[in-house]
Amino acid sequence: MARQVSTTSFDPLGQVMKTVVEGFKMTTAAIQELRDQQAGLEQKLQQQARAAYHGMTGSGKSRYTAELVKIESSSNPRGAQARVAETLGVTPGRITQLLNSDKNRKNGK
């Protein structure tokens, strides 16, 4: 008797490729989900920072802004004021004004 060759033969390379592609799809989906979660958290933190800023008096705003700029500049000093301005939804000039205002700093200390 002769051996019969099955028409549905097992293709190990095809199975490996299929598994790798599925793995990449799952990894990509997980990364996208993490990015979405991170964006949501960043938006929430930005809203909280704006609410805190707008609820303060002039001297409080000045000290709060100075602290935010100090925190931002610890990671990267270049553009720290601009990043804080973007977070708080004010102009960079307003941040400079708050940082340089002797009146606002003295009133709160």
N, C-alpha and C. Protein backbone atom coordinates (compact mmCIF):
# COMPACT_ATOMS: atom_id res chain seq x y z
N MET A 1 0.82 -1.18 0.00
CA MET A 1 0.00 0.00 0.00
C MET A 1 0.87 1.25 0.00
N ALA A 2 0.48 2.18 -0.77
CA ALA A 2 1.20 3.43 -0.87
C ALA A 2 0.64 4.42 0.15
N ARG A 3 1.52 5.27 0.61
CA ARG A 3 1.08 6.31 1.57
C ARG A 3 0.29 7.38 0.84
N GLN A 4 -0.76 7.80 1.46
CA GLN A 4 -1.56 8.86 0.86
C GLN A 4 -1.14 10.20 1.47
N VAL A 5 -1.02 11.16 0.62
CA VAL A 5 -0.64 12.51 1.06
C VAL A 5 -1.91 13.28 1.33
N SER A 6 -2.00 13.81 2.51
CA SER A 6 -3.18 14.59 2.91
C SER A 6 -3.14 15.96 2.24
N THR A 7 -4.29 16.42 1.80
CA THR A 7 -4.36 17.74 1.16
C THR A 7 -4.36 18.84 2.21
N THR A 8 -4.73 18.53 3.43
CA THR A 8 -4.72 19.52 4.50
C THR A 8 -3.52 19.26 5.40
N SER A 9 -2.34 19.61 4.92
CA SER A 9 -1.13 19.36 5.68
C SER A 9 -0.89 20.50 6.67
N PHE A 10 -0.27 20.20 7.75
CA PHE A 10 0.05 21.16 8.81
C PHE A 10 1.23 22.01 8.36
N ASP A 11 1.07 23.33 8.42
CA ASP A 11 2.11 24.27 8.00
C ASP A 11 2.65 24.99 9.24
N PRO A 12 3.77 24.51 9.80
CA PRO A 12 4.28 25.13 11.03
C PRO A 12 4.69 26.59 10.85
N LEU A 13 5.28 26.92 9.72
CA LEU A 13 5.69 28.30 9.48
C LEU A 13 4.47 29.22 9.41
N GLY A 14 3.42 28.75 8.78
CA GLY A 14 2.18 29.53 8.69
C GLY A 14 1.58 29.76 10.06
N GLN A 15 1.62 28.74 10.90
CA GLN A 15 1.09 28.87 12.26
C GLN A 15 1.91 29.87 13.08
N VAL A 16 3.22 29.81 12.95
CA VAL A 16 4.09 30.74 13.67
C VAL A 16 3.81 32.17 13.22
N MET A 17 3.71 32.38 11.93
CA MET A 17 3.43 33.72 11.40
C MET A 17 2.07 34.23 11.88
N LYS A 18 1.10 33.35 11.89
CA LYS A 18 -0.24 33.72 12.34
C LYS A 18 -0.19 34.13 13.82
N THR A 19 0.55 33.39 14.63
CA THR A 19 0.68 33.69 16.06
C THR A 19 1.40 35.02 16.28
N VAL A 20 2.46 35.25 15.52
CA VAL A 20 3.22 36.49 15.64
C VAL A 20 2.35 37.69 15.26
N VAL A 21 1.61 37.58 14.18
CA VAL A 21 0.74 38.68 13.74
C VAL A 21 -0.33 38.96 14.79
N GLU A 22 -0.93 37.92 15.34
CA GLU A 22 -1.94 38.10 16.39
C GLU A 22 -1.32 38.77 17.62
N GLY A 23 -0.10 38.38 17.96
CA GLY A 23 0.59 38.99 19.09
C GLY A 23 0.84 40.47 18.86
N PHE A 24 1.27 40.82 17.65
CA PHE A 24 1.48 42.23 17.33
C PHE A 24 0.17 43.02 17.40
N LYS A 25 -0.90 42.44 16.93
CA LYS A 25 -2.20 43.12 16.97
C LYS A 25 -2.62 43.37 18.42
N MET A 26 -2.44 42.37 19.26
CA MET A 26 -2.83 42.51 20.66
C MET A 26 -1.94 43.55 21.37
N THR A 27 -0.66 43.54 21.06
CA THR A 27 0.25 44.50 21.66
C THR A 27 -0.09 45.92 21.23
N THR A 28 -0.37 46.09 19.96
CA THR A 28 -0.74 47.41 19.44
C THR A 28 -2.02 47.91 20.09
N ALA A 29 -2.99 47.04 20.26
CA ALA A 29 -4.25 47.43 20.91
C ALA A 29 -4.01 47.82 22.36
N ALA A 30 -3.16 47.09 23.06
CA ALA A 30 -2.86 47.41 24.45
C ALA A 30 -2.13 48.74 24.58
N ILE A 31 -1.19 48.99 23.68
CA ILE A 31 -0.46 50.27 23.70
C ILE A 31 -1.41 51.42 23.44
N GLN A 32 -2.31 51.26 22.49
CA GLN A 32 -3.28 52.32 22.18
C GLN A 32 -4.19 52.59 23.36
N GLU A 33 -4.61 51.54 24.04
CA GLU A 33 -5.47 51.69 25.22
C GLU A 33 -4.73 52.45 26.32
N LEU A 34 -3.46 52.14 26.53
CA LEU A 34 -2.66 52.85 27.53
C LEU A 34 -2.50 54.32 27.16
N ARG A 35 -2.28 54.59 25.89
CA ARG A 35 -2.16 55.98 25.43
C ARG A 35 -3.45 56.74 25.67
N ASP A 36 -4.58 56.12 25.40
CA ASP A 36 -5.87 56.76 25.63
C ASP A 36 -6.08 57.06 27.11
N GLN A 37 -5.73 56.10 27.97
CA GLN A 37 -5.85 56.30 29.40
C GLN A 37 -4.95 57.44 29.88
N GLN A 38 -3.73 57.48 29.37
CA GLN A 38 -2.78 58.52 29.75
C GLN A 38 -3.29 59.89 29.31
N ALA A 39 -3.83 59.98 28.11
CA ALA A 39 -4.36 61.25 27.62
C ALA A 39 -5.52 61.71 28.49
N GLY A 40 -6.38 60.79 28.91
CA GLY A 40 -7.48 61.13 29.79
C GLY A 40 -7.01 61.64 31.14
N LEU A 41 -5.98 61.00 31.69
CA LEU A 41 -5.43 61.44 32.97
C LEU A 41 -4.77 62.81 32.86
N GLU A 42 -4.05 63.04 31.76
CA GLU A 42 -3.41 64.33 31.56
C GLU A 42 -4.44 65.44 31.43
N GLN A 43 -5.52 65.16 30.74
CA GLN A 43 -6.58 66.15 30.59
C GLN A 43 -7.22 66.45 31.94
N LYS A 44 -7.43 65.44 32.75
CA LYS A 44 -8.03 65.62 34.07
C LYS A 44 -7.10 66.46 34.96
N LEU A 45 -5.80 66.16 34.94
CA LEU A 45 -4.85 66.94 35.73
C LEU A 45 -4.79 68.39 35.27
N GLN A 46 -4.88 68.60 33.97
CA GLN A 46 -4.86 69.96 33.43
C GLN A 46 -6.10 70.73 33.90
N GLN A 47 -7.25 70.09 33.89
CA GLN A 47 -8.48 70.74 34.36
C GLN A 47 -8.39 71.07 35.85
N GLN A 48 -7.80 70.17 36.63
CA GLN A 48 -7.64 70.42 38.06
C GLN A 48 -6.69 71.59 38.31
N ALA A 49 -5.61 71.65 37.54
CA ALA A 49 -4.65 72.75 37.69
C ALA A 49 -5.30 74.08 37.34
N ARG A 50 -6.10 74.09 36.28
CA ARG A 50 -6.80 75.33 35.89
C ARG A 50 -7.80 75.75 36.95
N ALA A 51 -8.53 74.79 37.50
CA ALA A 51 -9.51 75.12 38.54
C ALA A 51 -8.83 75.69 39.77
N ALA A 52 -7.72 75.10 40.17
CA ALA A 52 -6.98 75.60 41.33
C ALA A 52 -6.46 77.01 41.06
N TYR A 53 -5.91 77.23 39.88
CA TYR A 53 -5.36 78.53 39.52
C TYR A 53 -6.44 79.60 39.54
N HIS A 54 -7.57 79.32 38.93
CA HIS A 54 -8.63 80.33 38.82
C HIS A 54 -9.34 80.58 40.15
N GLY A 55 -9.17 79.69 41.10
CA GLY A 55 -9.79 79.88 42.41
C GLY A 55 -8.92 80.64 43.39
N MET A 56 -7.77 81.11 42.95
CA MET A 56 -6.83 81.78 43.85
C MET A 56 -6.86 83.29 43.66
N THR A 57 -6.35 83.98 44.69
CA THR A 57 -6.17 85.43 44.58
C THR A 57 -4.85 85.69 43.86
N GLY A 58 -4.51 86.93 43.67
CA GLY A 58 -3.29 87.30 42.94
C GLY A 58 -2.03 86.73 43.55
N SER A 59 -1.88 86.84 44.86
CA SER A 59 -0.66 86.33 45.49
C SER A 59 -0.61 84.81 45.45
N GLY A 60 -1.76 84.17 45.58
CA GLY A 60 -1.80 82.71 45.50
C GLY A 60 -1.46 82.23 44.10
N LYS A 61 -1.97 82.95 43.10
CA LYS A 61 -1.65 82.60 41.72
C LYS A 61 -0.17 82.72 41.45
N SER A 62 0.43 83.76 42.01
CA SER A 62 1.85 83.99 41.80
C SER A 62 2.67 82.86 42.41
N ARG A 63 2.38 82.48 43.63
CA ARG A 63 3.12 81.40 44.29
C ARG A 63 2.85 80.06 43.62
N TYR A 64 1.61 79.80 43.25
CA TYR A 64 1.24 78.54 42.59
C TYR A 64 1.96 78.42 41.24
N THR A 65 1.95 79.49 40.48
CA THR A 65 2.62 79.50 39.18
C THR A 65 4.12 79.30 39.34
N ALA A 66 4.71 79.97 40.32
CA ALA A 66 6.15 79.82 40.56
C ALA A 66 6.49 78.37 40.90
N GLU A 67 5.65 77.73 41.68
CA GLU A 67 5.89 76.34 42.05
C GLU A 67 5.75 75.41 40.83
N LEU A 68 4.74 75.66 40.00
CA LEU A 68 4.58 74.85 38.79
C LEU A 68 5.76 75.01 37.84
N VAL A 69 6.24 76.24 37.70
CA VAL A 69 7.40 76.48 36.82
C VAL A 69 8.62 75.78 37.40
N LYS A 70 8.78 75.81 38.70
CA LYS A 70 9.92 75.13 39.34
C LYS A 70 9.85 73.62 39.09
N ILE A 71 8.67 73.05 39.20
CA ILE A 71 8.49 71.61 38.96
C ILE A 71 8.79 71.28 37.50
N GLU A 72 8.26 72.08 36.58
CA GLU A 72 8.49 71.85 35.14
C GLU A 72 9.95 72.01 34.78
N SER A 73 10.61 73.01 35.35
CA SER A 73 12.00 73.25 34.98
C SER A 73 12.94 72.21 35.56
N SER A 74 12.50 71.44 36.55
CA SER A 74 13.36 70.38 37.08
C SER A 74 13.55 69.27 36.06
N SER A 75 12.53 69.02 35.22
CA SER A 75 12.67 68.00 34.19
C SER A 75 13.33 68.56 32.94
N ASN A 76 12.94 69.78 32.55
CA ASN A 76 13.53 70.41 31.37
C ASN A 76 13.37 71.92 31.51
N PRO A 77 14.44 72.65 31.82
CA PRO A 77 14.31 74.08 32.06
C PRO A 77 13.88 74.89 30.83
N ARG A 78 14.19 74.40 29.67
CA ARG A 78 13.87 75.14 28.46
C ARG A 78 12.36 75.04 28.17
N GLY A 79 11.69 76.17 28.16
CA GLY A 79 10.26 76.21 27.83
C GLY A 79 9.34 75.87 28.98
N ALA A 80 9.84 75.89 30.21
CA ALA A 80 9.02 75.53 31.37
C ALA A 80 7.84 76.49 31.54
N GLN A 81 8.11 77.79 31.39
CA GLN A 81 7.04 78.77 31.54
C GLN A 81 5.96 78.60 30.47
N ALA A 82 6.37 78.30 29.26
CA ALA A 82 5.40 78.10 28.17
C ALA A 82 4.54 76.87 28.44
N ARG A 83 5.14 75.80 28.96
CA ARG A 83 4.37 74.59 29.27
C ARG A 83 3.38 74.85 30.39
N VAL A 84 3.78 75.62 31.40
CA VAL A 84 2.87 75.96 32.49
C VAL A 84 1.74 76.84 31.96
N ALA A 85 2.07 77.77 31.09
CA ALA A 85 1.04 78.64 30.50
C ALA A 85 0.03 77.82 29.73
N GLU A 86 0.50 76.83 28.99
CA GLU A 86 -0.40 75.97 28.23
C GLU A 86 -1.28 75.14 29.16
N THR A 87 -0.69 74.64 30.22
CA THR A 87 -1.45 73.84 31.19
C THR A 87 -2.55 74.67 31.84
N LEU A 88 -2.23 75.90 32.22
CA LEU A 88 -3.20 76.75 32.92
C LEU A 88 -4.14 77.49 31.98
N GLY A 89 -3.83 77.47 30.69
CA GLY A 89 -4.70 78.15 29.73
C GLY A 89 -4.54 79.66 29.76
N VAL A 90 -3.33 80.13 30.06
CA VAL A 90 -3.05 81.56 30.05
C VAL A 90 -1.89 81.81 29.10
N THR A 91 -1.58 83.07 28.87
CA THR A 91 -0.48 83.39 27.95
C THR A 91 0.86 83.28 28.68
N PRO A 92 1.92 83.01 27.95
CA PRO A 92 3.25 82.99 28.58
C PRO A 92 3.62 84.33 29.22
N GLY A 93 3.12 85.41 28.65
CA GLY A 93 3.37 86.73 29.24
C GLY A 93 2.76 86.86 30.62
N ARG A 94 1.60 86.26 30.81
CA ARG A 94 0.95 86.30 32.13
C ARG A 94 1.77 85.52 33.15
N ILE A 95 2.37 84.42 32.74
CA ILE A 95 3.22 83.65 33.64
C ILE A 95 4.42 84.50 34.05
N THR A 96 5.05 85.16 33.09
CA THR A 96 6.19 86.03 33.38
C THR A 96 5.78 87.14 34.33
N GLN A 97 4.61 87.71 34.08
CA GLN A 97 4.10 88.79 34.92
C GLN A 97 3.91 88.30 36.37
N LEU A 98 3.34 87.12 36.53
CA LEU A 98 3.13 86.58 37.87
C LEU A 98 4.46 86.28 38.57
N LEU A 99 5.42 85.79 37.81
CA LEU A 99 6.71 85.45 38.41
C LEU A 99 7.51 86.69 38.81
N ASN A 100 7.35 87.78 38.07
CA ASN A 100 8.13 88.99 38.32
C ASN A 100 7.44 89.99 39.23
N SER A 101 6.20 89.76 39.60
CA SER A 101 5.44 90.72 40.38
C SER A 101 5.87 90.69 41.84
N ASP A 102 6.56 91.75 42.28
CA ASP A 102 6.95 91.85 43.69
C ASP A 102 5.72 91.98 44.58
N LYS A 103 4.75 92.74 44.12
CA LYS A 103 3.53 92.97 44.92
C LYS A 103 2.82 91.67 45.24
N ASN A 104 2.60 90.84 44.22
CA ASN A 104 1.89 89.59 44.44
C ASN A 104 2.68 88.64 45.33
N ARG A 105 3.97 88.60 45.15
CA ARG A 105 4.78 87.68 45.98
C ARG A 105 4.81 88.15 47.42
N LYS A 106 4.94 89.46 47.67
CA LYS A 106 5.03 89.96 49.04
C LYS A 106 3.70 89.82 49.78
N ASN A 107 2.60 90.05 49.10
CA ASN A 107 1.30 89.99 49.76
C ASN A 107 0.98 88.61 50.31
N GLY A 108 1.48 87.60 49.67
CA GLY A 108 1.14 86.25 50.10
C GLY A 108 2.13 85.63 51.06
N LYS A 109 3.26 86.26 51.30
CA LYS A 109 4.29 85.64 52.15
C LYS A 109 4.29 86.18 53.55
